[in-house]
Amino acid sequence: MEEKLKMAMLFDFFGELLTEKQREYFRLYYDEDLSLAEIAQNNNISKQGVRDVICRSEKILLETEKKTGTVERFEKMRRDIDKIEGRLKKILENPAKRTDAEINSIIELLQPLKI
């Protein structure tokens, strides 16, 4: 996964664990694509100070994911849902070729997705 996308996903899942200032700087850096210098200037802080806040934020997000595996499980579920969708579309396109094995394989993919 691209680093920026990975950080965005981690922020979406775990951003509330960060302080308000960490969330603000993180959002400005990743979402608004502001440079460290721009964030520093707008907030009357050194460029190094902004970098430290963002690095601490990234570390918190990465460590939380390492402990929980939440984003990894979410990505696996998305891939499985894509597989199910693809198989169901094939069945709809040609219902005559539908087999019990195909239906059973879809059911197997669904089992881990049950809540």
PDB file of N, CA and C in Angstrom:
ATOM      1  N   MET A   1       0.845  -1.180   0.000  1.00  0.00           N
ATOM      2  CA  MET A   1       0.000   0.000   0.000  1.00  0.00           C
ATOM      3  C   MET A   1       0.890   1.243   0.000  1.00  0.00           C
ATOM      4  N   GLU A   2       0.531   2.215  -0.825  1.00  0.00           N
ATOM      5  CA  GLU A   2       1.281   3.458  -0.887  1.00  0.00           C
ATOM      6  C   GLU A   2       1.303   4.098   0.508  1.00  0.00           C
ATOM      7  N   GLU A   3       2.444   4.679   0.864  1.00  0.00           N
ATOM      8  CA  GLU A   3       2.639   5.214   2.218  1.00  0.00           C
ATOM      9  C   GLU A   3       1.590   6.263   2.587  1.00  0.00           C
ATOM     10  N   LYS A   4       1.294   7.174   1.687  1.00  0.00           N
ATOM     11  CA  LYS A   4       0.322   8.228   1.984  1.00  0.00           C
ATOM     12  C   LYS A   4      -1.067   7.630   2.204  1.00  0.00           C
ATOM     13  N   LEU A   5      -1.436   6.678   1.365  1.00  0.00           N
ATOM     14  CA  LEU A   5      -2.729   6.017   1.507  1.00  0.00           C
ATOM     15  C   LEU A   5      -2.790   5.242   2.813  1.00  0.00           C
ATOM     16  N   LYS A   6      -1.696   4.568   3.144  1.00  0.00           N
ATOM     17  CA  LYS A   6      -1.638   3.804   4.391  1.00  0.00           C
ATOM     18  C   LYS A   6      -1.842   4.731   5.593  1.00  0.00           C
ATOM     19  N   MET A   7      -1.160   5.866   5.587  1.00  0.00           N
ATOM     20  CA  MET A   7      -1.302   6.816   6.696  1.00  0.00           C
ATOM     21  C   MET A   7      -2.729   7.362   6.762  1.00  0.00           C
ATOM     22  N   ALA A   8      -3.339   7.603   5.614  1.00  0.00           N
ATOM     23  CA  ALA A   8      -4.719   8.100   5.586  1.00  0.00           C
ATOM     24  C   ALA A   8      -5.670   7.064   6.185  1.00  0.00           C
ATOM     25  N   MET A   9      -5.461   5.803   5.829  1.00  0.00           N
ATOM     26  CA  MET A   9      -6.297   4.731   6.389  1.00  0.00           C
ATOM     27  C   MET A   9      -6.104   4.626   7.900  1.00  0.00           C
ATOM     28  N   LEU A  10      -4.862   4.653   8.328  1.00  0.00           N
ATOM     29  CA  LEU A  10      -4.582   4.574   9.762  1.00  0.00           C
ATOM     30  C   LEU A  10      -5.225   5.745  10.495  1.00  0.00           C
ATOM     31  N   PHE A  11      -5.143   6.925   9.908  1.00  0.00           N
ATOM     32  CA  PHE A  11      -5.739   8.109  10.522  1.00  0.00           C
ATOM     33  C   PHE A  11      -7.259   7.965  10.602  1.00  0.00           C
ATOM     34  N   ASP A  12      -7.871   7.437   9.542  1.00  0.00           N
ATOM     35  CA  ASP A  12      -9.325   7.241   9.551  1.00  0.00           C
ATOM     36  C   ASP A  12      -9.752   6.307  10.682  1.00  0.00           C
ATOM     37  N   PHE A  13      -8.975   5.261  10.915  1.00  0.00           N
ATOM     38  CA  PHE A  13      -9.320   4.288  11.940  1.00  0.00           C
ATOM     39  C   PHE A  13      -8.936   4.748  13.346  1.00  0.00           C
ATOM     40  N   PHE A  14      -7.769   5.367  13.486  1.00  0.00           N
ATOM     41  CA  PHE A  14      -7.217   5.623  14.819  1.00  0.00           C
ATOM     42  C   PHE A  14      -6.948   7.093  15.126  1.00  0.00           C
ATOM     43  N   GLY A  15      -7.378   8.000  14.270  1.00  0.00           N
ATOM     44  CA  GLY A  15      -7.083   9.415  14.453  1.00  0.00           C
ATOM     45  C   GLY A  15      -7.532   9.983  15.785  1.00  0.00           C
ATOM     46  N   GLU A  16      -8.594   9.437  16.347  1.00  0.00           N
ATOM     47  CA  GLU A  16      -9.097   9.940  17.626  1.00  0.00           C
ATOM     48  C   GLU A  16      -8.143   9.664  18.787  1.00  0.00           C
ATOM     49  N   LEU A  17      -7.161   8.816  18.568  1.00  0.00           N
ATOM     50  CA  LEU A  17      -6.158   8.551  19.611  1.00  0.00           C
ATOM     51  C   LEU A  17      -5.136   9.682  19.708  1.00  0.00           C
ATOM     52  N   LEU A  18      -5.097  10.523  18.695  1.00  0.00           N
ATOM     53  CA  LEU A  18      -4.139  11.628  18.662  1.00  0.00           C
ATOM     54  C   LEU A  18      -4.707  12.851  19.378  1.00  0.00           C
ATOM     55  N   THR A  19      -3.803  13.724  19.797  1.00  0.00           N
ATOM     56  CA  THR A  19      -4.240  14.993  20.386  1.00  0.00           C
ATOM     57  C   THR A  19      -4.811  15.866  19.283  1.00  0.00           C
ATOM     58  N   GLU A  20      -5.498  16.923  19.673  1.00  0.00           N
ATOM     59  CA  GLU A  20      -6.074  17.843  18.694  1.00  0.00           C
ATOM     60  C   GLU A  20      -4.982  18.435  17.792  1.00  0.00           C
ATOM     61  N   LYS A  21      -3.856  18.830  18.391  1.00  0.00           N
ATOM     62  CA  LYS A  21      -2.751  19.411  17.614  1.00  0.00           C
ATOM     63  C   LYS A  21      -2.158  18.370  16.654  1.00  0.00           C
ATOM     64  N   GLN A  22      -1.990  17.137  17.127  1.00  0.00           N
ATOM     65  CA  GLN A  22      -1.466  16.084  16.252  1.00  0.00           C
ATOM     66  C   GLN A  22      -2.407  15.848  15.073  1.00  0.00           C
ATOM     67  N   ARG A  23      -3.713  15.795  15.368  1.00  0.00           N
ATOM     68  CA  ARG A  23      -4.694  15.591  14.288  1.00  0.00           C
ATOM     69  C   ARG A  23      -4.641  16.741  13.285  1.00  0.00           C
ATOM     70  N   GLU A  24      -4.540  17.961  13.785  1.00  0.00           N
ATOM     71  CA  GLU A  24      -4.512  19.135  12.901  1.00  0.00           C
ATOM     72  C   GLU A  24      -3.279  19.104  11.991  1.00  0.00           C
ATOM     73  N   TYR A  25      -2.100  18.925  12.565  1.00  0.00           N
ATOM     74  CA  TYR A  25      -0.870  18.915  11.766  1.00  0.00           C
ATOM     75  C   TYR A  25      -0.861  17.744  10.790  1.00  0.00           C
ATOM     76  N   PHE A  26      -1.322  16.599  11.259  1.00  0.00           N
ATOM     77  CA  PHE A  26      -1.379  15.411  10.412  1.00  0.00           C
ATOM     78  C   PHE A  26      -2.292  15.668   9.214  1.00  0.00           C
ATOM     79  N   ARG A  27      -3.473  16.219   9.473  1.00  0.00           N
ATOM     80  CA  ARG A  27      -4.434  16.505   8.409  1.00  0.00           C
ATOM     81  C   ARG A  27      -3.864  17.532   7.420  1.00  0.00           C
ATOM     82  N   LEU A  28      -3.232  18.577   7.946  1.00  0.00           N
ATOM     83  CA  LEU A  28      -2.651  19.595   7.068  1.00  0.00           C
ATOM     84  C   LEU A  28      -1.548  18.999   6.194  1.00  0.00           C
ATOM     85  N   TYR A  29      -0.744  18.141   6.777  1.00  0.00           N
ATOM     86  CA  TYR A  29       0.384  17.554   6.053  1.00  0.00           C
ATOM     87  C   TYR A  29      -0.087  16.514   5.027  1.00  0.00           C
ATOM     88  N   TYR A  30      -0.957  15.604   5.439  1.00  0.00           N
ATOM     89  CA  TYR A  30      -1.374  14.518   4.549  1.00  0.00           C
ATOM     90  C   TYR A  30      -2.578  14.865   3.674  1.00  0.00           C
ATOM     91  N   ASP A  31      -3.583  15.499   4.238  1.00  0.00           N
ATOM     92  CA  ASP A  31      -4.796  15.768   3.465  1.00  0.00           C
ATOM     93  C   ASP A  31      -4.705  17.057   2.646  1.00  0.00           C
ATOM     94  N   GLU A  32      -4.162  18.104   3.264  1.00  0.00           N
ATOM     95  CA  GLU A  32      -4.078  19.389   2.581  1.00  0.00           C
ATOM     96  C   GLU A  32      -2.767  19.544   1.798  1.00  0.00           C
ATOM     97  N   ASP A  33      -1.843  18.600   1.993  1.00  0.00           N
ATOM     98  CA  ASP A  33      -0.558  18.564   1.288  1.00  0.00           C
ATOM     99  C   ASP A  33       0.284  19.817   1.541  1.00  0.00           C
ATOM    100  N   LEU A  34       0.183  20.377   2.751  1.00  0.00           N
ATOM    101  CA  LEU A  34       1.022  21.509   3.121  1.00  0.00           C
ATOM    102  C   LEU A  34       2.412  21.000   3.490  1.00  0.00           C
ATOM    103  N   SER A  35       3.408  21.781   3.236  1.00  0.00           N
ATOM    104  CA  SER A  35       4.772  21.403   3.605  1.00  0.00           C
ATOM    105  C   SER A  35       4.970  21.637   5.097  1.00  0.00           C
ATOM    106  N   LEU A  36       6.037  21.062   5.634  1.00  0.00           N
ATOM    107  CA  LEU A  36       6.371  21.277   7.042  1.00  0.00           C
ATOM    108  C   LEU A  36       6.577  22.767   7.301  1.00  0.00           C
ATOM    109  N   ALA A  37       7.246  23.437   6.373  1.00  0.00           N
ATOM    110  CA  ALA A  37       7.514  24.872   6.514  1.00  0.00           C
ATOM    111  C   ALA A  37       6.214  25.677   6.540  1.00  0.00           C
ATOM    112  N   GLU A  38       5.263  25.323   5.681  1.00  0.00           N
ATOM    113  CA  GLU A  38       3.988  26.044   5.652  1.00  0.00           C
ATOM    114  C   GLU A  38       3.210  25.860   6.955  1.00  0.00           C
ATOM    115  N   ILE A  39       3.186  24.634   7.442  1.00  0.00           N
ATOM    116  CA  ILE A  39       2.491  24.362   8.705  1.00  0.00           C
ATOM    117  C   ILE A  39       3.173  25.116   9.838  1.00  0.00           C
ATOM    118  N   ALA A  40       4.498  25.082   9.840  1.00  0.00           N
ATOM    119  CA  ALA A  40       5.266  25.772  10.883  1.00  0.00           C
ATOM    120  C   ALA A  40       4.973  27.266  10.867  1.00  0.00           C
ATOM    121  N   GLN A  41       5.005  27.860   9.709  1.00  0.00           N
ATOM    122  CA  GLN A  41       4.775  29.303   9.576  1.00  0.00           C
ATOM    123  C   GLN A  41       3.363  29.682  10.030  1.00  0.00           C
ATOM    124  N   ASN A  42       2.380  28.884   9.639  1.00  0.00           N
ATOM    125  CA  ASN A  42       0.981  29.183   9.987  1.00  0.00           C
ATOM    126  C   ASN A  42       0.694  28.993  11.471  1.00  0.00           C
ATOM    127  N   ASN A  43       1.545  28.231  12.159  1.00  0.00           N
ATOM    128  CA  ASN A  43       1.292  27.923  13.569  1.00  0.00           C
ATOM    129  C   ASN A  43       2.363  28.467  14.506  1.00  0.00           C
ATOM    130  N   ASN A  44       3.240  29.307  13.975  1.00  0.00           N
ATOM    131  CA  ASN A  44       4.312  29.912  14.785  1.00  0.00           C
ATOM    132  C   ASN A  44       5.103  28.873  15.570  1.00  0.00           C
ATOM    133  N   ILE A  45       5.566  27.867  14.858  1.00  0.00           N
ATOM    134  CA  ILE A  45       6.352  26.786  15.442  1.00  0.00           C
ATOM    135  C   ILE A  45       7.479  26.487  14.464  1.00  0.00           C
ATOM    136  N   SER A  46       8.528  25.845  14.942  1.00  0.00           N
ATOM    137  CA  SER A  46       9.634  25.522  14.036  1.00  0.00           C
ATOM    138  C   SER A  46       9.242  24.369  13.108  1.00  0.00           C
ATOM    139  N   LYS A  47       9.915  24.310  11.993  1.00  0.00           N
ATOM    140  CA  LYS A  47       9.707  23.222  11.034  1.00  0.00           C
ATOM    141  C   LYS A  47      10.007  21.884  11.706  1.00  0.00           C
ATOM    142  N   GLN A  48      11.075  21.854  12.522  1.00  0.00           N
ATOM    143  CA  GLN A  48      11.437  20.631  13.248  1.00  0.00           C
ATOM    144  C   GLN A  48      10.340  20.250  14.246  1.00  0.00           C
ATOM    145  N   GLY A  49       9.725  21.250  14.861  1.00  0.00           N
ATOM    146  CA  GLY A  49       8.635  20.984  15.798  1.00  0.00           C
ATOM    147  C   GLY A  49       7.450  20.316  15.112  1.00  0.00           C
ATOM    148  N   VAL A  50       7.118  20.810  13.920  1.00  0.00           N
ATOM    149  CA  VAL A  50       6.031  20.207  13.141  1.00  0.00           C
ATOM    150  C   VAL A  50       6.394  18.783  12.768  1.00  0.00           C
ATOM    151  N   ARG A  51       7.628  18.595  12.316  1.00  0.00           N
ATOM    152  CA  ARG A  51       8.081  17.255  11.931  1.00  0.00           C
ATOM    153  C   ARG A  51       7.981  16.296  13.108  1.00  0.00           C
ATOM    154  N   ASP A  52       8.385  16.745  14.287  1.00  0.00           N
ATOM    155  CA  ASP A  52       8.324  15.896  15.481  1.00  0.00           C
ATOM    156  C   ASP A  52       6.886  15.485  15.804  1.00  0.00           C
ATOM    157  N   VAL A  53       5.962  16.441  15.693  1.00  0.00           N
ATOM    158  CA  VAL A  53       4.546  16.145  15.977  1.00  0.00           C
ATOM    159  C   VAL A  53       4.020  15.119  14.979  1.00  0.00           C
ATOM    160  N   ILE A  54       4.326  15.308  13.712  1.00  0.00           N
ATOM    161  CA  ILE A  54       3.841  14.382  12.684  1.00  0.00           C
ATOM    162  C   ILE A  54       4.478  13.005  12.862  1.00  0.00           C
ATOM    163  N   CYS A  55       5.765  12.953  13.161  1.00  0.00           N
ATOM    164  CA  CYS A  55       6.437  11.663  13.373  1.00  0.00           C
ATOM    165  C   CYS A  55       5.864  10.925  14.579  1.00  0.00           C
ATOM    166  N   ARG A  56       5.588  11.649  15.656  1.00  0.00           N
ATOM    167  CA  ARG A  56       4.980  11.017  16.835  1.00  0.00           C
ATOM    168  C   ARG A  56       3.590  10.484  16.485  1.00  0.00           C
ATOM    169  N   SER A  57       2.861  11.246  15.703  1.00  0.00           N
ATOM    170  CA  SER A  57       1.515  10.830  15.281  1.00  0.00           C
ATOM    171  C   SER A  57       1.587   9.555  14.449  1.00  0.00           C
ATOM    172  N   GLU A  58       2.501   9.537  13.485  1.00  0.00           N
ATOM    173  CA  GLU A  58       2.669   8.343  12.644  1.00  0.00           C
ATOM    174  C   GLU A  58       3.027   7.135  13.505  1.00  0.00           C
ATOM    175  N   LYS A  59       3.901   7.339  14.464  1.00  0.00           N
ATOM    176  CA  LYS A  59       4.325   6.245  15.332  1.00  0.00           C
ATOM    177  C   LYS A  59       3.144   5.690  16.131  1.00  0.00           C
ATOM    178  N   ILE A  60       2.319   6.572  16.668  1.00  0.00           N
ATOM    179  CA  ILE A  60       1.137   6.137  17.423  1.00  0.00           C
ATOM    180  C   ILE A  60       0.211   5.317  16.527  1.00  0.00           C
ATOM    181  N   LEU A  61      -0.044   5.819  15.328  1.00  0.00           N
ATOM    182  CA  LEU A  61      -0.944   5.129  14.405  1.00  0.00           C
ATOM    183  C   LEU A  61      -0.389   3.773  13.993  1.00  0.00           C
ATOM    184  N   LEU A  62       0.902   3.729  13.662  1.00  0.00           N
ATOM    185  CA  LEU A  62       1.525   2.467  13.235  1.00  0.00           C
ATOM    186  C   LEU A  62       1.563   1.452  14.367  1.00  0.00           C
ATOM    187  N   GLU A  63       1.877   1.907  15.587  1.00  0.00           N
ATOM    188  CA  GLU A  63       1.925   0.986  16.725  1.00  0.00           C
ATOM    189  C   GLU A  63       0.536   0.452  17.062  1.00  0.00           C
ATOM    190  N   THR A  64      -0.466   1.298  16.932  1.00  0.00           N
ATOM    191  CA  THR A  64      -1.833   0.851  17.200  1.00  0.00           C
ATOM    192  C   THR A  64      -2.250  -0.205  16.186  1.00  0.00           C
ATOM    193  N   GLU A  65      -1.920   0.017  14.917  1.00  0.00           N
ATOM    194  CA  GLU A  65      -2.236  -0.980  13.888  1.00  0.00           C
ATOM    195  C   GLU A  65      -1.476  -2.271  14.139  1.00  0.00           C
ATOM    196  N   LYS A  66      -0.226  -2.162  14.537  1.00  0.00           N
ATOM    197  CA  LYS A  66       0.571  -3.358  14.810  1.00  0.00           C
ATOM    198  C   LYS A  66      -0.066  -4.186  15.929  1.00  0.00           C
ATOM    199  N   LYS A  67      -0.590  -3.515  16.939  1.00  0.00           N
ATOM    200  CA  LYS A  67      -1.216  -4.215  18.068  1.00  0.00           C
ATOM    201  C   LYS A  67      -2.590  -4.777  17.723  1.00  0.00           C
ATOM    202  N   THR A  68      -3.351  -4.047  16.910  1.00  0.00           N
ATOM    203  CA  THR A  68      -4.736  -4.451  16.666  1.00  0.00           C
ATOM    204  C   THR A  68      -4.960  -5.177  15.341  1.00  0.00           C
ATOM    205  N   GLY A  69      -4.196  -4.833  14.316  1.00  0.00           N
ATOM    206  CA  GLY A  69      -4.392  -5.421  12.993  1.00  0.00           C
ATOM    207  C   GLY A  69      -5.708  -5.024  12.338  1.00  0.00           C
ATOM    208  N   THR A  70      -6.308  -3.947  12.806  1.00  0.00           N
ATOM    209  CA  THR A  70      -7.625  -3.531  12.331  1.00  0.00           C
ATOM    210  C   THR A  70      -7.639  -3.195  10.840  1.00  0.00           C
ATOM    211  N   VAL A  71      -6.698  -2.395  10.393  1.00  0.00           N
ATOM    212  CA  VAL A  71      -6.672  -1.987   8.983  1.00  0.00           C
ATOM    213  C   VAL A  71      -6.367  -3.191   8.096  1.00  0.00           C
ATOM    214  N   GLU A  72      -5.477  -4.039   8.539  1.00  0.00           N
ATOM    215  CA  GLU A  72      -5.145  -5.251   7.776  1.00  0.00           C
ATOM    216  C   GLU A  72      -6.387  -6.136   7.602  1.00  0.00           C
ATOM    217  N   ARG A  73      -7.151  -6.327   8.677  1.00  0.00           N
ATOM    218  CA  ARG A  73      -8.375  -7.131   8.589  1.00  0.00           C
ATOM    219  C   ARG A  73      -9.403  -6.461   7.681  1.00  0.00           C
ATOM    220  N   PHE A  74      -9.499  -5.146   7.780  1.00  0.00           N
ATOM    221  CA  PHE A  74     -10.423  -4.396   6.926  1.00  0.00           C
ATOM    222  C   PHE A  74     -10.062  -4.586   5.450  1.00  0.00           C
ATOM    223  N   GLU A  75      -8.789  -4.480   5.128  1.00  0.00           N
ATOM    224  CA  GLU A  75      -8.336  -4.650   3.739  1.00  0.00           C
ATOM    225  C   GLU A  75      -8.621  -6.065   3.243  1.00  0.00           C
ATOM    226  N   LYS A  76      -8.423  -7.066   4.090  1.00  0.00           N
ATOM    227  CA  LYS A  76      -8.723  -8.452   3.702  1.00  0.00           C
ATOM    228  C   LYS A  76     -10.213  -8.608   3.432  1.00  0.00           C
ATOM    229  N   MET A  77     -11.036  -8.018   4.285  1.00  0.00           N
ATOM    230  CA  MET A  77     -12.488  -8.082   4.063  1.00  0.00           C
ATOM    231  C   MET A  77     -12.867  -7.435   2.738  1.00  0.00           C
ATOM    232  N   ARG A  78     -12.251  -6.297   2.437  1.00  0.00           N
ATOM    233  CA  ARG A  78     -12.544  -5.621   1.163  1.00  0.00           C
ATOM    234  C   ARG A  78     -12.174  -6.497  -0.030  1.00  0.00           C
ATOM    235  N   ARG A  79     -11.021  -7.158   0.067  1.00  0.00           N
ATOM    236  CA  ARG A  79     -10.604  -8.052  -1.027  1.00  0.00           C
ATOM    237  C   ARG A  79     -11.581  -9.220  -1.172  1.00  0.00           C
ATOM    238  N   ASP A  80     -12.001  -9.793  -0.044  1.00  0.00           N
ATOM    239  CA  ASP A  80     -12.953 -10.910  -0.087  1.00  0.00           C
ATOM    240  C   ASP A  80     -14.296 -10.468  -0.662  1.00  0.00           C
ATOM    241  N   ILE A  81     -14.754  -9.289  -0.303  1.00  0.00           N
ATOM    242  CA  ILE A  81     -16.012  -8.773  -0.838  1.00  0.00           C
ATOM    243  C   ILE A  81     -15.896  -8.563  -2.346  1.00  0.00           C
ATOM    244  N   ASP A  82     -14.747  -8.078  -2.808  1.00  0.00           N
ATOM    245  CA  ASP A  82     -14.524  -7.919  -4.250  1.00  0.00           C
ATOM    246  C   ASP A  82     -14.591  -9.268  -4.964  1.00  0.00           C
ATOM    247  N   LYS A  83     -14.000 -10.309  -4.353  1.00  0.00           N
ATOM    248  CA  LYS A  83     -14.053 -11.654  -4.944  1.00  0.00           C
ATOM    249  C   LYS A  83     -15.492 -12.147  -5.032  1.00  0.00           C
ATOM    250  N   ILE A  84     -16.247 -11.970  -3.951  1.00  0.00           N
ATOM    251  CA  ILE A  84     -17.646 -12.406  -3.919  1.00  0.00           C
ATOM    252  C   ILE A  84     -18.442 -11.677  -4.989  1.00  0.00           C
ATOM    253  N   GLU A  85     -18.245 -10.378  -5.079  1.00  0.00           N
ATOM    254  CA  GLU A  85     -18.956  -9.584  -6.074  1.00  0.00           C
ATOM    255  C   GLU A  85     -18.652 -10.086  -7.487  1.00  0.00           C
ATOM    256  N   GLY A  86     -17.374 -10.358  -7.758  1.00  0.00           N
ATOM    257  CA  GLY A  86     -16.987 -10.857  -9.074  1.00  0.00           C
ATOM    258  C   GLY A  86     -17.622 -12.197  -9.407  1.00  0.00           C
ATOM    259  N   ARG A  87     -17.638 -13.085  -8.431  1.00  0.00           N
ATOM    260  CA  ARG A  87     -18.246 -14.407  -8.663  1.00  0.00           C
ATOM    261  C   ARG A  87     -19.753 -14.299  -8.857  1.00  0.00           C
ATOM    262  N   LEU A  88     -20.410 -13.459  -8.082  1.00  0.00           N
ATOM    263  CA  LEU A  88     -21.860 -13.291  -8.238  1.00  0.00           C
ATOM    264  C   LEU A  88     -22.207 -12.676  -9.589  1.00  0.00           C
ATOM    265  N   LYS A  89     -21.388 -11.735 -10.058  1.00  0.00           N
ATOM    266  CA  LYS A  89     -21.630 -11.139 -11.376  1.00  0.00           C
ATOM    267  C   LYS A  89     -21.525 -12.193 -12.477  1.00  0.00           C
ATOM    268  N   LYS A  90     -20.547 -13.106 -12.345  1.00  0.00           N
ATOM    269  CA  LYS A  90     -20.405 -14.185 -13.348  1.00  0.00           C
ATOM    270  C   LYS A  90     -21.651 -15.066 -13.351  1.00  0.00           C
ATOM    271  N   ILE A  91     -22.165 -15.368 -12.164  1.00  0.00           N
ATOM    272  CA  ILE A  91     -23.372 -16.201 -12.079  1.00  0.00           C
ATOM    273  C   ILE A  91     -24.551 -15.484 -12.730  1.00  0.00           C
ATOM    274  N   LEU A  92     -24.671 -14.176 -12.481  1.00  0.00           N
ATOM    275  CA  LEU A  92     -25.777 -13.414 -13.071  1.00  0.00           C
ATOM    276  C   LEU A  92     -25.662 -13.334 -14.588  1.00  0.00           C
ATOM    277  N   GLU A  93     -24.420 -13.225 -15.083  1.00  0.00           N
ATOM    278  CA  GLU A  93     -24.201 -13.140 -16.524  1.00  0.00           C
ATOM    279  C   GLU A  93     -24.557 -14.446 -17.226  1.00  0.00           C
ATOM    280  N   ASN A  94     -24.322 -15.564 -16.553  1.00  0.00           N
ATOM    281  CA  ASN A  94     -24.582 -16.855 -17.168  1.00  0.00           C
ATOM    282  C   ASN A  94     -25.100 -17.838 -16.115  1.00  0.00           C
ATOM    283  N   PRO A  95     -26.369 -17.699 -15.730  1.00  0.00           N
ATOM    284  CA  PRO A  95     -26.920 -18.546 -14.673  1.00  0.00           C
ATOM    285  C   PRO A  95     -26.890 -20.035 -14.995  1.00  0.00           C
ATOM    286  N   ALA A  96     -26.862 -20.377 -16.265  1.00  0.00           N
ATOM    287  CA  ALA A  96     -26.849 -21.793 -16.648  1.00  0.00           C
ATOM    288  C   ALA A  96     -25.552 -22.480 -16.221  1.00  0.00           C
ATOM    289  N   LYS A  97     -24.473 -21.722 -16.085  1.00  0.00           N
ATOM    290  CA  LYS A  97     -23.177 -22.307 -15.705  1.00  0.00           C
ATOM    291  C   LYS A  97     -22.951 -22.312 -14.188  1.00  0.00           C
ATOM    292  N   ARG A  98     -23.964 -21.875 -13.434  1.00  0.00           N
ATOM    293  CA  ARG A  98     -23.849 -21.859 -11.977  1.00  0.00           C
ATOM    294  C   ARG A  98     -23.714 -23.295 -11.466  1.00  0.00           C
ATOM    295  N   THR A  99     -22.761 -23.496 -10.576  1.00  0.00           N
ATOM    296  CA  THR A  99     -22.560 -24.825  -9.999  1.00  0.00           C
ATOM    297  C   THR A  99     -22.670 -24.740  -8.486  1.00  0.00           C
ATOM    298  N   ASP A 100     -22.949 -25.885  -7.885  1.00  0.00           N
ATOM    299  CA  ASP A 100     -22.993 -25.941  -6.419  1.00  0.00           C
ATOM    300  C   ASP A 100     -21.622 -25.609  -5.841  1.00  0.00           C
ATOM    301  N   ALA A 101     -20.574 -26.018  -6.524  1.00  0.00           N
ATOM    302  CA  ALA A 101     -19.211 -25.727  -6.040  1.00  0.00           C
ATOM    303  C   ALA A 101     -18.967 -24.222  -6.002  1.00  0.00           C
ATOM    304  N   GLU A 102     -19.435 -23.520  -7.024  1.00  0.00           N
ATOM    305  CA  GLU A 102     -19.272 -22.062  -7.069  1.00  0.00           C
ATOM    306  C   GLU A 102     -20.045 -21.401  -5.930  1.00  0.00           C
ATOM    307  N   ILE A 103     -21.264 -21.840  -5.720  1.00  0.00           N
ATOM    308  CA  ILE A 103     -22.088 -21.296  -4.631  1.00  0.00           C
ATOM    309  C   ILE A 103     -21.424 -21.587  -3.282  1.00  0.00           C
ATOM    310  N   ASN A 104     -20.929 -22.790  -3.110  1.00  0.00           N
ATOM    311  CA  ASN A 104     -20.262 -23.150  -1.855  1.00  0.00           C
ATOM    312  C   ASN A 104     -18.991 -22.335  -1.625  1.00  0.00           C
ATOM    313  N   SER A 105     -18.266 -22.033  -2.695  1.00  0.00           N
ATOM    314  CA  SER A 105     -17.056 -21.223  -2.529  1.00  0.00           C
ATOM    315  C   SER A 105     -17.411 -19.793  -2.109  1.00  0.00           C
ATOM    316  N   ILE A 106     -18.534 -19.287  -2.600  1.00  0.00           N
ATOM    317  CA  ILE A 106     -19.001 -17.964  -2.187  1.00  0.00           C
ATOM    318  C   ILE A 106     -19.416 -17.999  -0.714  1.00  0.00           C
ATOM    319  N   ILE A 107     -20.109 -19.029  -0.327  1.00  0.00           N
ATOM    320  CA  ILE A 107     -20.517 -19.187   1.079  1.00  0.00           C
ATOM    321  C   ILE A 107     -19.292 -19.241   1.985  1.00  0.00           C
ATOM    322  N   GLU A 108     -18.251 -19.943   1.552  1.00  0.00           N
ATOM    323  CA  GLU A 108     -17.008 -20.009   2.339  1.00  0.00           C
ATOM    324  C   GLU A 108     -16.375 -18.635   2.503  1.00  0.00           C
ATOM    325  N   LEU A 109     -16.385 -17.847   1.437  1.00  0.00           N
ATOM    326  CA  LEU A 109     -15.826 -16.480   1.520  1.00  0.00           C
ATOM    327  C   LEU A 109     -16.659 -15.606   2.457  1.00  0.00           C
ATOM    328  N   LEU A 110     -17.940 -15.868   2.548  1.00  0.00           N
ATOM    329  CA  LEU A 110     -18.814 -15.073   3.409  1.00  0.00           C
ATOM    330  C   LEU A 110     -18.645 -15.367   4.890  1.00  0.00           C
ATOM    331  N   GLN A 111     -18.244 -16.582   5.235  1.00  0.00           N
ATOM    332  CA  GLN A 111     -18.203 -16.995   6.641  1.00  0.00           C
ATOM    333  C   GLN A 111     -17.383 -16.057   7.533  1.00  0.00           C
ATOM    334  N   PRO A 112     -16.156 -15.703   7.153  1.00  0.00           N
ATOM    335  CA  PRO A 112     -15.379 -14.805   8.037  1.00  0.00           C
ATOM    336  C   PRO A 112     -15.939 -13.385   8.109  1.00  0.00           C
ATOM    337  N   LEU A 113     -16.829 -13.031   7.183  1.00  0.00           N
ATOM    338  CA  LEU A 113     -17.380 -11.679   7.148  1.00  0.00           C
ATOM    339  C   LEU A 113     -18.587 -11.516   8.061  1.00  0.00           C
ATOM    340  N   LYS A 114     -19.083 -12.626   8.593  1.00  0.00           N
ATOM    341  CA  LYS A 114     -20.237 -12.551   9.500  1.00  0.00           C
ATOM    342  C   LYS A 114     -19.845 -11.823  10.773  1.00  0.00           C
ATOM    343  N   ILE A 115     -20.760 -11.037  11.260  1.00  0.00           N
ATOM    344  CA  ILE A 115     -20.502 -10.284  12.492  1.00  0.00           C
ATOM    345  C   ILE A 115     -21.298 -10.902  13.617  1.00  0.00           C
TER     346      ILE A 115
END
